[in-house]
C-alpha atoms as a PDB file:
ATOM      1  CA  UNK A   1       0.211  -0.360   0.106  1.00  0.00           C
ATOM      2  CA  UNK A   2       1.331   3.456  -0.765  1.00  0.00           C
ATOM      3  CA  UNK A   3       1.992   5.909   2.015  1.00  0.00           C
ATOM      4  CA  UNK A   4       1.307   9.379   1.818  1.00  0.00           C
ATOM      5  CA  UNK A   5       3.143  11.660   4.319  1.00  0.00           C
ATOM      6  CA  UNK A   6       0.927  14.833   6.310  1.00  0.00           C
ATOM      7  CA  UNK A   7       1.400  18.043   7.125  1.00  0.00           C
ATOM      8  CA  UNK A   8       3.740  16.863  10.223  1.00  0.00           C
ATOM      9  CA  UNK A   9       6.120  14.691   7.824  1.00  0.00           C
ATOM     10  CA  UNK A  10       4.510  11.391   9.465  1.00  0.00           C
ATOM     11  CA  UNK A  11       4.059   8.729   7.121  1.00  0.00           C
ATOM     12  CA  UNK A  12       0.007   7.759   6.689  1.00  0.00           C
ATOM     13  CA  UNK A  13      -1.363   4.971   4.260  1.00  0.00           C
ATOM     14  CA  UNK A  14      -3.069   5.954   1.419  1.00  0.00           C
ATOM     15  CA  UNK A  15      -7.119   5.603   2.073  1.00  0.00           C
ATOM     16  CA  UNK A  16      -8.370   3.020  -0.265  1.00  0.00           C
ATOM     17  CA  UNK A  17     -12.282   3.254  -0.350  1.00  0.00           C
ATOM     18  CA  UNK A  18     -14.656  -0.265   0.042  1.00  0.00           C
ATOM     19  CA  UNK A  19     -17.842  -1.175  -1.363  1.00  0.00           C
ATOM     20  CA  UNK A  20     -20.397  -3.286  -0.484  1.00  0.00           C
ATOM     21  CA  UNK A  21     -22.121  -6.186  -2.048  1.00  0.00           C
ATOM     22  CA  UNK A  22     -25.690  -5.656  -2.098  1.00  0.00           C
ATOM     23  CA  UNK A  23     -26.263  -9.211  -1.455  1.00  0.00           C
ATOM     24  CA  UNK A  24     -24.272 -10.726   1.305  1.00  0.00           C
ATOM     25  CA  UNK A  25     -23.154  -6.758   2.860  1.00  0.00           C
ATOM     26  CA  UNK A  26     -19.319  -7.754   2.535  1.00  0.00           C
ATOM     27  CA  UNK A  27     -16.950  -5.369   1.939  1.00  0.00           C
ATOM     28  CA  UNK A  28     -13.861  -5.096   0.033  1.00  0.00           C
ATOM     29  CA  UNK A  29     -12.184  -3.270  -3.186  1.00  0.00           C
ATOM     30  CA  UNK A  30     -13.766  -2.437  -6.458  1.00  0.00           C
ATOM     31  CA  UNK A  31     -11.779  -5.272  -7.802  1.00  0.00           C
ATOM     32  CA  UNK A  32     -14.238  -7.849  -5.571  1.00  0.00           C
ATOM     33  CA  UNK A  33     -17.038  -6.780  -6.942  1.00  0.00           C
ATOM     34  CA  UNK A  34     -19.495  -6.669 -10.382  1.00  0.00           C
ATOM     35  CA  UNK A  35     -20.733  -3.007 -10.499  1.00  0.00           C
ATOM     36  CA  UNK A  36     -24.278  -2.594 -11.926  1.00  0.00           C
ATOM     37  CA  UNK A  37     -24.139   1.110 -13.214  1.00  0.00           C
ATOM     38  CA  UNK A  38     -27.091   2.872 -14.024  1.00  0.00           C
ATOM     39  CA  UNK A  39     -26.363   5.213 -17.184  1.00  0.00           C
ATOM     40  CA  UNK A  40     -27.645   7.592 -18.996  1.00  0.00           C
ATOM     41  CA  UNK A  41     -31.518   7.041 -20.005  1.00  0.00           C
ATOM     42  CA  UNK A  42     -31.548   4.960 -16.975  1.00  0.00           C
ATOM     43  CA  UNK A  43     -30.140   2.024 -18.696  1.00  0.00           C
ATOM     44  CA  UNK A  44     -28.218  -0.333 -16.515  1.00  0.00           C
ATOM     45  CA  UNK A  45     -24.618  -1.926 -17.712  1.00  0.00           C
ATOM     46  CA  UNK A  46     -22.497  -4.185 -16.264  1.00  0.00           C
ATOM     47  CA  UNK A  47     -19.923  -2.251 -15.789  1.00  0.00           C
ATOM     48  CA  UNK A  48     -17.148  -4.941 -15.481  1.00  0.00           C
ATOM     49  CA  UNK A  49     -13.656  -2.504 -16.238  1.00  0.00           C
ATOM     50  CA  UNK A  50     -15.333   0.219 -13.877  1.00  0.00           C
ATOM     51  CA  UNK A  51     -14.686   3.134 -16.631  1.00  0.00           C
ATOM     52  CA  UNK A  52     -18.674   4.314 -16.197  1.00  0.00           C
ATOM     53  CA  UNK A  53     -19.987   7.060 -14.231  1.00  0.00           C
ATOM     54  CA  UNK A  54     -22.870   6.606 -13.170  1.00  0.00           C
ATOM     55  CA  UNK A  55     -25.319   5.482 -10.119  1.00  0.00           C
ATOM     56  CA  UNK A  56     -23.878   1.698  -9.270  1.00  0.00           C
ATOM     57  CA  UNK A  57     -24.809  -0.949  -7.192  1.00  0.00           C
ATOM     58  CA  UNK A  58     -21.900  -3.604  -6.494  1.00  0.00           C
ATOM     59  CA  UNK A  59     -22.491  -7.416  -5.774  1.00  0.00           C
ATOM     60  CA  UNK A  60     -19.393 -10.052  -5.455  1.00  0.00           C
ATOM     61  CA  UNK A  61     -17.854 -11.775  -7.779  1.00  0.00           C
ATOM     62  CA  UNK A  62     -18.984 -15.082  -5.543  1.00  0.00           C
ATOM     63  CA  UNK A  63     -21.352 -17.451  -7.661  1.00  0.00           C
ATOM     64  CA  UNK A  64     -23.406 -17.846  -4.545  1.00  0.00           C
ATOM     65  CA  UNK A  65     -24.431 -14.083  -4.208  1.00  0.00           C
ATOM     66  CA  UNK A  66     -25.089 -13.747  -8.147  1.00  0.00           C
ATOM     67  CA  UNK A  67     -27.485 -16.892  -7.810  1.00  0.00           C
ATOM     68  CA  UNK A  68     -29.468 -15.076  -5.013  1.00  0.00           C
ATOM     69  CA  UNK A  69     -29.598 -11.755  -6.933  1.00  0.00           C
ATOM     70  CA  UNK A  70     -30.979 -13.833  -9.938  1.00  0.00           C
ATOM     71  CA  UNK A  71     -33.404 -15.695  -7.601  1.00  0.00           C
ATOM     72  CA  UNK A  72     -34.733 -12.322  -6.037  1.00  0.00           C
ATOM     73  CA  UNK A  73     -34.082  -9.625  -8.427  1.00  0.00           C
ATOM     74  CA  UNK A  74     -37.518  -7.577  -7.075  1.00  0.00           C
ATOM     75  CA  UNK A  75     -35.104  -6.749  -3.643  1.00  0.00           C
ATOM     76  CA  UNK A  76     -35.455  -3.060  -2.640  1.00  0.00           C
ATOM     77  CA  UNK A  77     -32.064  -2.604  -4.860  1.00  0.00           C
ATOM     78  CA  UNK A  78     -31.967   1.507  -5.838  1.00  0.00           C
ATOM     79  CA  UNK A  79     -32.410   0.002  -9.211  1.00  0.00           C
ATOM     80  CA  UNK A  80     -34.326  -2.720 -11.253  1.00  0.00           C
ATOM     81  CA  UNK A  81     -32.788  -4.855 -12.576  1.00  0.00           C
ATOM     82  CA  UNK A  82     -33.928  -6.434 -16.135  1.00  0.00           C
ATOM     83  CA  UNK A  83     -34.103  -9.731 -17.035  1.00  0.00           C
ATOM     84  CA  UNK A  84     -31.110  -9.239 -19.810  1.00  0.00           C
ATOM     85  CA  UNK A  85     -28.653  -8.391 -17.085  1.00  0.00           C
ATOM     86  CA  UNK A  86     -29.152 -11.021 -14.982  1.00  0.00           C
ATOM     87  CA  UNK A  87     -28.662 -13.326 -18.029  1.00  0.00           C
ATOM     88  CA  UNK A  88     -25.573 -12.052 -18.310  1.00  0.00           C
ATOM     89  CA  UNK A  89     -24.512 -12.214 -15.209  1.00  0.00           C
ATOM     90  CA  UNK A  90     -24.972 -16.145 -15.334  1.00  0.00           C
ATOM     91  CA  UNK A  91     -23.112 -15.968 -18.481  1.00  0.00           C
ATOM     92  CA  UNK A  92     -20.059 -14.505 -17.304  1.00  0.00           C
ATOM     93  CA  UNK A  93     -19.558 -15.928 -14.014  1.00  0.00           C
ATOM     94  CA  UNK A  94     -19.494 -19.713 -15.004  1.00  0.00           C
ATOM     95  CA  UNK A  95     -19.408 -20.854 -11.123  1.00  0.00           C
ATOM     96  CA  UNK A  96     -23.277 -21.177 -10.696  1.00  0.00           C
ATOM     97  CA  UNK A  97     -24.191 -24.421 -10.775  1.00  0.00           C
ATOM     98  CA  UNK A  98     -26.973 -25.937  -9.149  1.00  0.00           C
END
Protein backbone atom coordinates (compact mmCIF):
# COMPACT_ATOMS: atom_id res chain seq x y z
CA UNK A 1 0.00 0.00 0.00
CA UNK A 2 1.38 3.40 -0.91
CA UNK A 3 2.26 5.64 1.98
CA UNK A 4 1.83 9.38 2.00
CA UNK A 5 3.30 11.92 4.39
CA UNK A 6 0.94 14.30 6.09
CA UNK A 7 1.77 17.90 7.00
CA UNK A 8 3.52 16.82 10.18
CA UNK A 9 5.83 14.58 8.13
CA UNK A 10 4.53 11.27 9.45
CA UNK A 11 3.72 8.47 7.04
CA UNK A 12 0.05 7.55 6.59
CA UNK A 13 -1.38 4.76 4.51
CA UNK A 14 -3.43 5.89 1.54
CA UNK A 15 -7.17 5.45 1.99
CA UNK A 16 -8.66 2.80 -0.28
CA UNK A 17 -12.42 3.20 -0.71
CA UNK A 18 -14.50 0.11 0.00
CA UNK A 19 -17.67 -1.10 -1.66
CA UNK A 20 -20.43 -3.29 -0.18
CA UNK A 21 -22.14 -6.24 -1.84
CA UNK A 22 -25.90 -5.65 -1.97
CA UNK A 23 -26.59 -9.33 -1.33
CA UNK A 24 -24.25 -10.47 1.48
CA UNK A 25 -23.09 -7.03 2.73
CA UNK A 26 -19.40 -8.06 2.47
CA UNK A 27 -17.05 -5.07 2.14
CA UNK A 28 -13.98 -4.86 -0.03
CA UNK A 29 -12.14 -3.14 -2.86
CA UNK A 30 -13.92 -2.39 -6.14
CA UNK A 31 -12.03 -5.16 -7.92
CA UNK A 32 -13.79 -7.84 -5.83
CA UNK A 33 -17.23 -6.93 -7.20
CA UNK A 34 -19.26 -6.61 -10.36
CA UNK A 35 -20.66 -3.10 -10.65
CA UNK A 36 -24.17 -2.74 -12.02
CA UNK A 37 -24.30 0.87 -13.16
CA UNK A 38 -27.25 2.99 -14.17
CA UNK A 39 -26.08 5.24 -16.99
CA UNK A 40 -27.91 7.86 -19.05
CA UNK A 41 -31.54 7.18 -19.96
CA UNK A 42 -31.85 4.84 -16.91
CA UNK A 43 -30.12 2.03 -18.83
CA UNK A 44 -28.35 -0.50 -16.59
CA UNK A 45 -25.03 -2.03 -17.67
CA UNK A 46 -22.57 -4.44 -16.10
CA UNK A 47 -19.56 -2.24 -15.59
CA UNK A 48 -16.82 -4.91 -15.61
CA UNK A 49 -13.92 -2.54 -16.26
CA UNK A 50 -15.30 0.14 -13.88
CA UNK A 51 -14.92 2.82 -16.54
CA UNK A 52 -18.52 4.04 -16.74
CA UNK A 53 -19.82 6.71 -14.45
CA UNK A 54 -23.25 6.69 -12.89
CA UNK A 55 -25.10 5.29 -9.89
CA UNK A 56 -23.81 1.77 -9.15
CA UNK A 57 -24.64 -1.17 -6.98
CA UNK A 58 -22.08 -3.88 -6.32
CA UNK A 59 -22.36 -7.66 -6.12
CA UNK A 60 -19.60 -10.12 -5.19
CA UNK A 61 -18.04 -12.12 -7.98
CA UNK A 62 -18.89 -15.12 -5.81
CA UNK A 63 -21.39 -17.45 -7.47
CA UNK A 64 -23.61 -17.60 -4.38
CA UNK A 65 -24.24 -13.85 -4.30
CA UNK A 66 -24.99 -13.73 -8.03
CA UNK A 67 -27.28 -16.74 -7.69
CA UNK A 68 -29.18 -15.05 -4.84
CA UNK A 69 -29.45 -11.85 -6.86
CA UNK A 70 -30.87 -13.78 -9.82
CA UNK A 71 -33.34 -15.72 -7.64
CA UNK A 72 -34.62 -12.59 -5.87
CA UNK A 73 -34.22 -9.68 -8.32
CA UNK A 74 -37.27 -7.86 -6.97
CA UNK A 75 -35.80 -6.94 -3.61
CA UNK A 76 -35.65 -3.28 -2.77
CA UNK A 77 -32.39 -2.47 -4.57
CA UNK A 78 -31.88 1.09 -5.78
CA UNK A 79 -32.58 -0.11 -9.32
CA UNK A 80 -34.81 -2.72 -10.88
CA UNK A 81 -32.64 -5.19 -12.75
CA UNK A 82 -33.89 -6.19 -16.20
CA UNK A 83 -33.79 -9.90 -17.17
CA UNK A 84 -31.06 -9.24 -19.76
CA UNK A 85 -28.67 -8.07 -17.03
CA UNK A 86 -29.39 -11.13 -14.90
CA UNK A 87 -28.77 -13.40 -17.91
CA UNK A 88 -25.50 -11.60 -18.65
CA UNK A 89 -24.37 -12.10 -15.03
CA UNK A 90 -25.07 -15.83 -15.39
CA UNK A 91 -23.07 -15.90 -18.63
CA UNK A 92 -19.97 -14.09 -17.33
CA UNK A 93 -19.82 -16.02 -14.07
CA UNK A 94 -19.45 -19.72 -14.91
CA UNK A 95 -19.28 -20.76 -11.22
CA UNK A 96 -23.09 -20.76 -10.95
CA UNK A 97 -24.33 -24.33 -10.94
CA UNK A 98 -27.12 -26.02 -8.96
